[in-house]
Amino acid sequence: MKTSWQVATAGEAFAAAQFARCGWDVSIQYGANQPEYDLVAVDGDRVLKVSVKGSKDGSWGLTQSYLTKGSADYHGAIDAWLSKHTRLTIFCLAQFRGVPVTELPRMYLATPAEIGAQLRVTAKGRGDTILHERKEWTDRAHAAGTVDAVPDAWKFTEQRLEQLAVGI
């Protein structure tokens, strides 16, 4: 995968496959100007709108477009990003970094609120626009000596999917 389009397309395909493997029906949107989600997963009367984010660099840029020019108000950007998502939307994060083509990407499921909370505590609470799968902050960074990582509880499993689907 060389382009961001290829990473996004592969992420959506793997996400759809995982939901189907878990017994959910999947409808995928294709084309420009999609609303807040990429696919719909249905299990009986339960419906999830799924926004899929693929990455090949170990992180997902999520809220940078909500920063105001010249501002480093990360928490404000997170608030603005959160306001764009409904309670039926979940995120499926697909990570291809270091994954051979013969293996599935590492995948995570999270609600916008969970992602927002994680972004708020990133960089020693300064916040960030980027969700890191795992980041060790160097001596020159504000969060020097700390590690930020996607919670293990977010791993895409049948149990995690059921946990998120309970509230709908």
C-alpha atoms as a PDB file:
ATOM      1  CA  MET A   1       0.000   0.000   0.000  1.00  0.00           C
ATOM      2  CA  LYS A   2       1.526   3.227  -1.096  1.00  0.00           C
ATOM      3  CA  THR A   3      -1.228   5.826  -0.993  1.00  0.00           C
ATOM      4  CA  SER A   4      -3.604   6.950   1.727  1.00  0.00           C
ATOM      5  CA  TRP A   5      -6.494   5.874  -0.513  1.00  0.00           C
ATOM      6  CA  GLN A   6      -5.097   2.323  -0.658  1.00  0.00           C
ATOM      7  CA  VAL A   7      -4.675   2.241   3.140  1.00  0.00           C
ATOM      8  CA  ALA A   8      -8.252   3.505   3.630  1.00  0.00           C
ATOM      9  CA  THR A   9      -9.659   1.020   1.129  1.00  0.00           C
ATOM     10  CA  ALA A  10      -7.794  -1.906   2.691  1.00  0.00           C
ATOM     11  CA  GLY A  11      -8.891  -0.795   6.183  1.00  0.00           C
ATOM     12  CA  GLU A  12     -12.547  -0.740   5.131  1.00  0.00           C
ATOM     13  CA  ALA A  13     -12.286  -4.161   3.483  1.00  0.00           C
ATOM     14  CA  PHE A  14     -10.686  -5.765   6.542  1.00  0.00           C
ATOM     15  CA  ALA A  15     -13.215  -4.084   8.850  1.00  0.00           C
ATOM     16  CA  ALA A  16     -16.140  -5.363   6.772  1.00  0.00           C
ATOM     17  CA  ALA A  17     -14.656  -8.854   6.811  1.00  0.00           C
ATOM     18  CA  GLN A  18     -14.217  -8.842  10.591  1.00  0.00           C
ATOM     19  CA  PHE A  19     -17.807  -7.721  11.239  1.00  0.00           C
ATOM     20  CA  ALA A  20     -19.029 -10.437   8.851  1.00  0.00           C
ATOM     21  CA  ARG A  21     -16.848 -13.039  10.623  1.00  0.00           C
ATOM     22  CA  CYS A  22     -18.635 -12.047  13.840  1.00  0.00           C
ATOM     23  CA  GLY A  23     -22.016 -12.746  12.221  1.00  0.00           C
ATOM     24  CA  TRP A  24     -23.036  -9.175  11.415  1.00  0.00           C
ATOM     25  CA  ASP A  25     -24.467  -8.118   8.039  1.00  0.00           C
ATOM     26  CA  VAL A  26     -22.411  -5.361   6.453  1.00  0.00           C
ATOM     27  CA  SER A  27     -23.333  -2.632   3.993  1.00  0.00           C
ATOM     28  CA  ILE A  28     -20.428  -0.572   2.659  1.00  0.00           C
ATOM     29  CA  GLN A  29     -20.652   2.975   1.321  1.00  0.00           C
ATOM     30  CA  TYR A  30     -18.391   3.864  -1.558  1.00  0.00           C
ATOM     31  CA  GLY A  31     -17.762   7.185  -3.213  1.00  0.00           C
ATOM     32  CA  ALA A  32     -17.055  10.748  -2.234  1.00  0.00           C
ATOM     33  CA  ASN A  33     -18.870  12.798   0.394  1.00  0.00           C
ATOM     34  CA  GLN A  34     -19.737   9.993   2.764  1.00  0.00           C
ATOM     35  CA  PRO A  35     -21.380  10.981   6.019  1.00  0.00           C
ATOM     36  CA  GLU A  36     -19.703  10.246   9.338  1.00  0.00           C
ATOM     37  CA  TYR A  37     -19.406   6.520   8.695  1.00  0.00           C
ATOM     38  CA  ASP A  38     -17.993   4.144   6.075  1.00  0.00           C
ATOM     39  CA  LEU A  39     -20.094   1.059   6.654  1.00  0.00           C
ATOM     40  CA  VAL A  40     -23.171  -0.123   8.498  1.00  0.00           C
ATOM     41  CA  ALA A  41     -23.095  -3.334  10.533  1.00  0.00           C
ATOM     42  CA  VAL A  42     -26.427  -4.949  11.424  1.00  0.00           C
ATOM     43  CA  ASP A  43     -27.194  -7.810  13.796  1.00  0.00           C
ATOM     44  CA  GLY A  44     -30.946  -8.342  14.073  1.00  0.00           C
ATOM     45  CA  ASP A  45     -32.351  -5.048  15.362  1.00  0.00           C
ATOM     46  CA  ARG A  46     -28.911  -3.715  16.310  1.00  0.00           C
ATOM     47  CA  VAL A  47     -27.317  -1.232  13.913  1.00  0.00           C
ATOM     48  CA  LEU A  48     -23.852   0.277  14.156  1.00  0.00           C
ATOM     49  CA  LYS A  49     -22.504   3.037  11.962  1.00  0.00           C
ATOM     50  CA  VAL A  50     -18.792   2.326  11.620  1.00  0.00           C
ATOM     51  CA  SER A  51     -16.160   4.883  10.741  1.00  0.00           C
ATOM     52  CA  VAL A  52     -13.047   3.031   9.590  1.00  0.00           C
ATOM     53  CA  LYS A  53      -9.595   4.544   9.874  1.00  0.00           C
ATOM     54  CA  GLY A  54      -6.653   2.727   8.339  1.00  0.00           C
ATOM     55  CA  SER A  55      -3.028   3.523   9.100  1.00  0.00           C
ATOM     56  CA  LYS A  56       0.376   2.296   8.035  1.00  0.00           C
ATOM     57  CA  ASP A  57       2.449   4.525  10.337  1.00  0.00           C
ATOM     58  CA  GLY A  58       1.343   3.523  13.846  1.00  0.00           C
ATOM     59  CA  SER A  59      -1.127   6.357  14.441  1.00  0.00           C
ATOM     60  CA  TRP A  60      -4.403   7.843  13.311  1.00  0.00           C
ATOM     61  CA  GLY A  61      -4.783  11.578  12.748  1.00  0.00           C
ATOM     62  CA  LEU A  62      -8.329  12.330  13.870  1.00  0.00           C
ATOM     63  CA  THR A  63      -8.875  15.867  15.119  1.00  0.00           C
ATOM     64  CA  GLN A  64      -6.225  18.044  13.442  1.00  0.00           C
ATOM     65  CA  SER A  65      -8.731  19.606  11.059  1.00  0.00           C
ATOM     66  CA  TYR A  66     -10.599  20.945  14.107  1.00  0.00           C
ATOM     67  CA  LEU A  67      -7.656  22.999  15.388  1.00  0.00           C
ATOM     68  CA  THR A  68      -8.084  26.687  14.754  1.00  0.00           C
ATOM     69  CA  LYS A  69      -5.253  28.287  12.819  1.00  0.00           C
ATOM     70  CA  GLY A  70      -2.360  29.239  15.069  1.00  0.00           C
ATOM     71  CA  SER A  71      -3.886  27.476  18.065  1.00  0.00           C
ATOM     72  CA  ALA A  72      -2.759  24.449  20.028  1.00  0.00           C
ATOM     73  CA  ASP A  73      -6.143  23.965  21.706  1.00  0.00           C
ATOM     74  CA  TYR A  74      -6.132  20.185  21.478  1.00  0.00           C
ATOM     75  CA  HIS A  75      -8.992  19.768  23.939  1.00  0.00           C
ATOM     76  CA  GLY A  76     -11.134  22.229  21.960  1.00  0.00           C
ATOM     77  CA  ALA A  77     -10.385  20.300  18.755  1.00  0.00           C
ATOM     78  CA  ILE A  78     -11.386  17.064  20.494  1.00  0.00           C
ATOM     79  CA  ASP A  79     -14.668  18.657  21.646  1.00  0.00           C
ATOM     80  CA  ALA A  80     -15.425  19.872  18.107  1.00  0.00           C
ATOM     81  CA  TRP A  81     -14.639  16.417  16.671  1.00  0.00           C
ATOM     82  CA  LEU A  82     -16.849  14.701  19.263  1.00  0.00           C
ATOM     83  CA  SER A  83     -19.781  16.976  18.393  1.00  0.00           C
ATOM     84  CA  LYS A  84     -19.779  15.506  14.855  1.00  0.00           C
ATOM     85  CA  HIS A  85     -20.521  11.931  15.953  1.00  0.00           C
ATOM     86  CA  THR A  86     -23.727  10.271  17.106  1.00  0.00           C
ATOM     87  CA  ARG A  87     -24.083   7.584  19.790  1.00  0.00           C
ATOM     88  CA  LEU A  88     -24.603   4.916  17.114  1.00  0.00           C
ATOM     89  CA  THR A  89     -21.191   5.533  15.579  1.00  0.00           C
ATOM     90  CA  ILE A  90     -18.151   3.498  16.516  1.00  0.00           C
ATOM     91  CA  PHE A  91     -14.657   3.554  15.102  1.00  0.00           C
ATOM     92  CA  CYS A  92     -12.767   0.613  13.702  1.00  0.00           C
ATOM     93  CA  LEU A  93      -9.050   1.382  13.644  1.00  0.00           C
ATOM     94  CA  ALA A  94      -6.907  -0.795  11.360  1.00  0.00           C
ATOM     95  CA  GLN A  95      -3.122  -0.694  11.738  1.00  0.00           C
ATOM     96  CA  PHE A  96      -0.912  -2.068   8.954  1.00  0.00           C
ATOM     97  CA  ARG A  97       2.475  -0.931  10.307  1.00  0.00           C
ATOM     98  CA  GLY A  98       4.813  -3.904  10.526  1.00  0.00           C
ATOM     99  CA  VAL A  99       2.105  -6.348   9.414  1.00  0.00           C
ATOM    100  CA  PRO A 100       3.120  -8.804   6.688  1.00  0.00           C
ATOM    101  CA  VAL A 101       0.699  -9.146   3.776  1.00  0.00           C
ATOM    102  CA  THR A 102      -0.011 -12.715   4.934  1.00  0.00           C
ATOM    103  CA  GLU A 103      -1.536 -11.488   8.231  1.00  0.00           C
ATOM    104  CA  LEU A 104      -4.524  -9.424   9.314  1.00  0.00           C
ATOM    105  CA  PRO A 105      -3.903  -5.842  10.443  1.00  0.00           C
ATOM    106  CA  ARG A 106      -4.175  -5.093  14.146  1.00  0.00           C
ATOM    107  CA  MET A 107      -7.714  -3.801  14.663  1.00  0.00           C
ATOM    108  CA  TYR A 108      -9.443  -1.888  17.444  1.00  0.00           C
ATOM    109  CA  LEU A 109     -13.031  -0.819  18.182  1.00  0.00           C
ATOM    110  CA  ALA A 110     -13.858   2.296  20.183  1.00  0.00           C
ATOM    111  CA  THR A 111     -16.590   4.845  20.633  1.00  0.00           C
ATOM    112  CA  PRO A 112     -15.937   8.491  19.837  1.00  0.00           C
ATOM    113  CA  ALA A 113     -16.162   9.237  23.590  1.00  0.00           C
ATOM    114  CA  GLU A 114     -13.495   6.623  24.363  1.00  0.00           C
ATOM    115  CA  ILE A 115     -11.235   8.016  21.657  1.00  0.00           C
ATOM    116  CA  GLY A 116     -11.820  11.568  22.894  1.00  0.00           C
ATOM    117  CA  ALA A 117     -10.910  10.554  26.452  1.00  0.00           C
ATOM    118  CA  GLN A 118      -7.739   8.865  25.205  1.00  0.00           C
ATOM    119  CA  LEU A 119      -6.762  11.899  23.122  1.00  0.00           C
ATOM    120  CA  ARG A 120      -7.270  14.174  26.158  1.00  0.00           C
ATOM    121  CA  VAL A 121      -4.797  12.262  28.348  1.00  0.00           C
ATOM    122  CA  THR A 122      -2.206  11.901  25.585  1.00  0.00           C
ATOM    123  CA  ALA A 123       1.086  13.770  26.067  1.00  0.00           C
ATOM    124  CA  LYS A 124       0.734  14.023  29.855  1.00  0.00           C
ATOM    125  CA  GLY A 125      -2.751  15.511  29.554  1.00  0.00           C
ATOM    126  CA  ARG A 126      -1.820  18.220  27.050  1.00  0.00           C
ATOM    127  CA  GLY A 127      -3.896  16.356  24.521  1.00  0.00           C
ATOM    128  CA  ASP A 128      -3.186  15.573  20.900  1.00  0.00           C
ATOM    129  CA  THR A 129      -4.864  15.363  17.518  1.00  0.00           C
ATOM    130  CA  ILE A 130      -3.260  11.996  16.840  1.00  0.00           C
ATOM    131  CA  LEU A 131      -4.211   8.679  18.401  1.00  0.00           C
ATOM    132  CA  HIS A 132      -1.067   6.578  18.733  1.00  0.00           C
ATOM    133  CA  GLU A 133      -1.122   2.807  18.755  1.00  0.00           C
ATOM    134  CA  ARG A 134       1.987   3.074  20.948  1.00  0.00           C
ATOM    135  CA  LYS A 135       4.177   6.149  21.365  1.00  0.00           C
ATOM    136  CA  GLU A 136       7.161   6.565  23.637  1.00  0.00           C
ATOM    137  CA  TRP A 137       7.750  10.282  24.063  1.00  0.00           C
ATOM    138  CA  THR A 138      11.375  11.383  23.707  1.00  0.00           C
ATOM    139  CA  ASP A 139      13.312  13.760  25.923  1.00  0.00           C
ATOM    140  CA  ARG A 140      12.507  16.737  23.702  1.00  0.00           C
ATOM    141  CA  ALA A 141       8.722  16.287  23.927  1.00  0.00           C
ATOM    142  CA  HIS A 142       6.288  17.801  26.420  1.00  0.00           C
ATOM    143  CA  ALA A 143       5.424  14.271  27.596  1.00  0.00           C
ATOM    144  CA  ALA A 144       9.049  13.104  27.848  1.00  0.00           C
ATOM    145  CA  GLY A 145       9.428   9.730  29.497  1.00  0.00           C
ATOM    146  CA  THR A 146       5.801   8.652  29.110  1.00  0.00           C
ATOM    147  CA  VAL A 147       4.139   6.134  26.832  1.00  0.00           C
ATOM    148  CA  ASP A 148       0.726   6.552  25.209  1.00  0.00           C
ATOM    149  CA  ALA A 149      -0.985   3.478  23.770  1.00  0.00           C
ATOM    150  CA  VAL A 150      -4.351   2.294  22.543  1.00  0.00           C
ATOM    151  CA  PRO A 151      -5.980   0.382  25.424  1.00  0.00           C
ATOM    152  CA  ASP A 152      -5.800  -3.410  25.104  1.00  0.00           C
ATOM    153  CA  ALA A 153      -9.554  -3.494  25.823  1.00  0.00           C
ATOM    154  CA  TRP A 154     -10.165  -1.920  22.401  1.00  0.00           C
ATOM    155  CA  LYS A 155      -8.818  -4.927  20.442  1.00  0.00           C
ATOM    156  CA  PHE A 156     -11.380  -6.096  17.879  1.00  0.00           C
ATOM    157  CA  THR A 157     -12.818  -9.249  19.387  1.00  0.00           C
ATOM    158  CA  GLU A 158     -16.325 -10.682  19.393  1.00  0.00           C
ATOM    159  CA  GLN A 159     -16.547  -9.744  23.072  1.00  0.00           C
ATOM    160  CA  ARG A 160     -15.522  -6.153  22.379  1.00  0.00           C
ATOM    161  CA  LEU A 161     -18.078  -5.900  19.563  1.00  0.00           C
ATOM    162  CA  GLU A 162     -20.820  -7.235  21.839  1.00  0.00           C
ATOM    163  CA  GLN A 163     -19.776  -4.823  24.598  1.00  0.00           C
ATOM    164  CA  LEU A 164     -20.172  -1.862  22.236  1.00  0.00           C
ATOM    165  CA  ALA A 165     -23.424  -3.200  20.743  1.00  0.00           C
ATOM    166  CA  VAL A 166     -25.099  -3.588  24.163  1.00  0.00           C
ATOM    167  CA  GLY A 167     -25.774   0.126  24.464  1.00  0.00           C
ATOM    168  CA  ILE A 168     -27.654   0.452  21.198  1.00  0.00           C
END
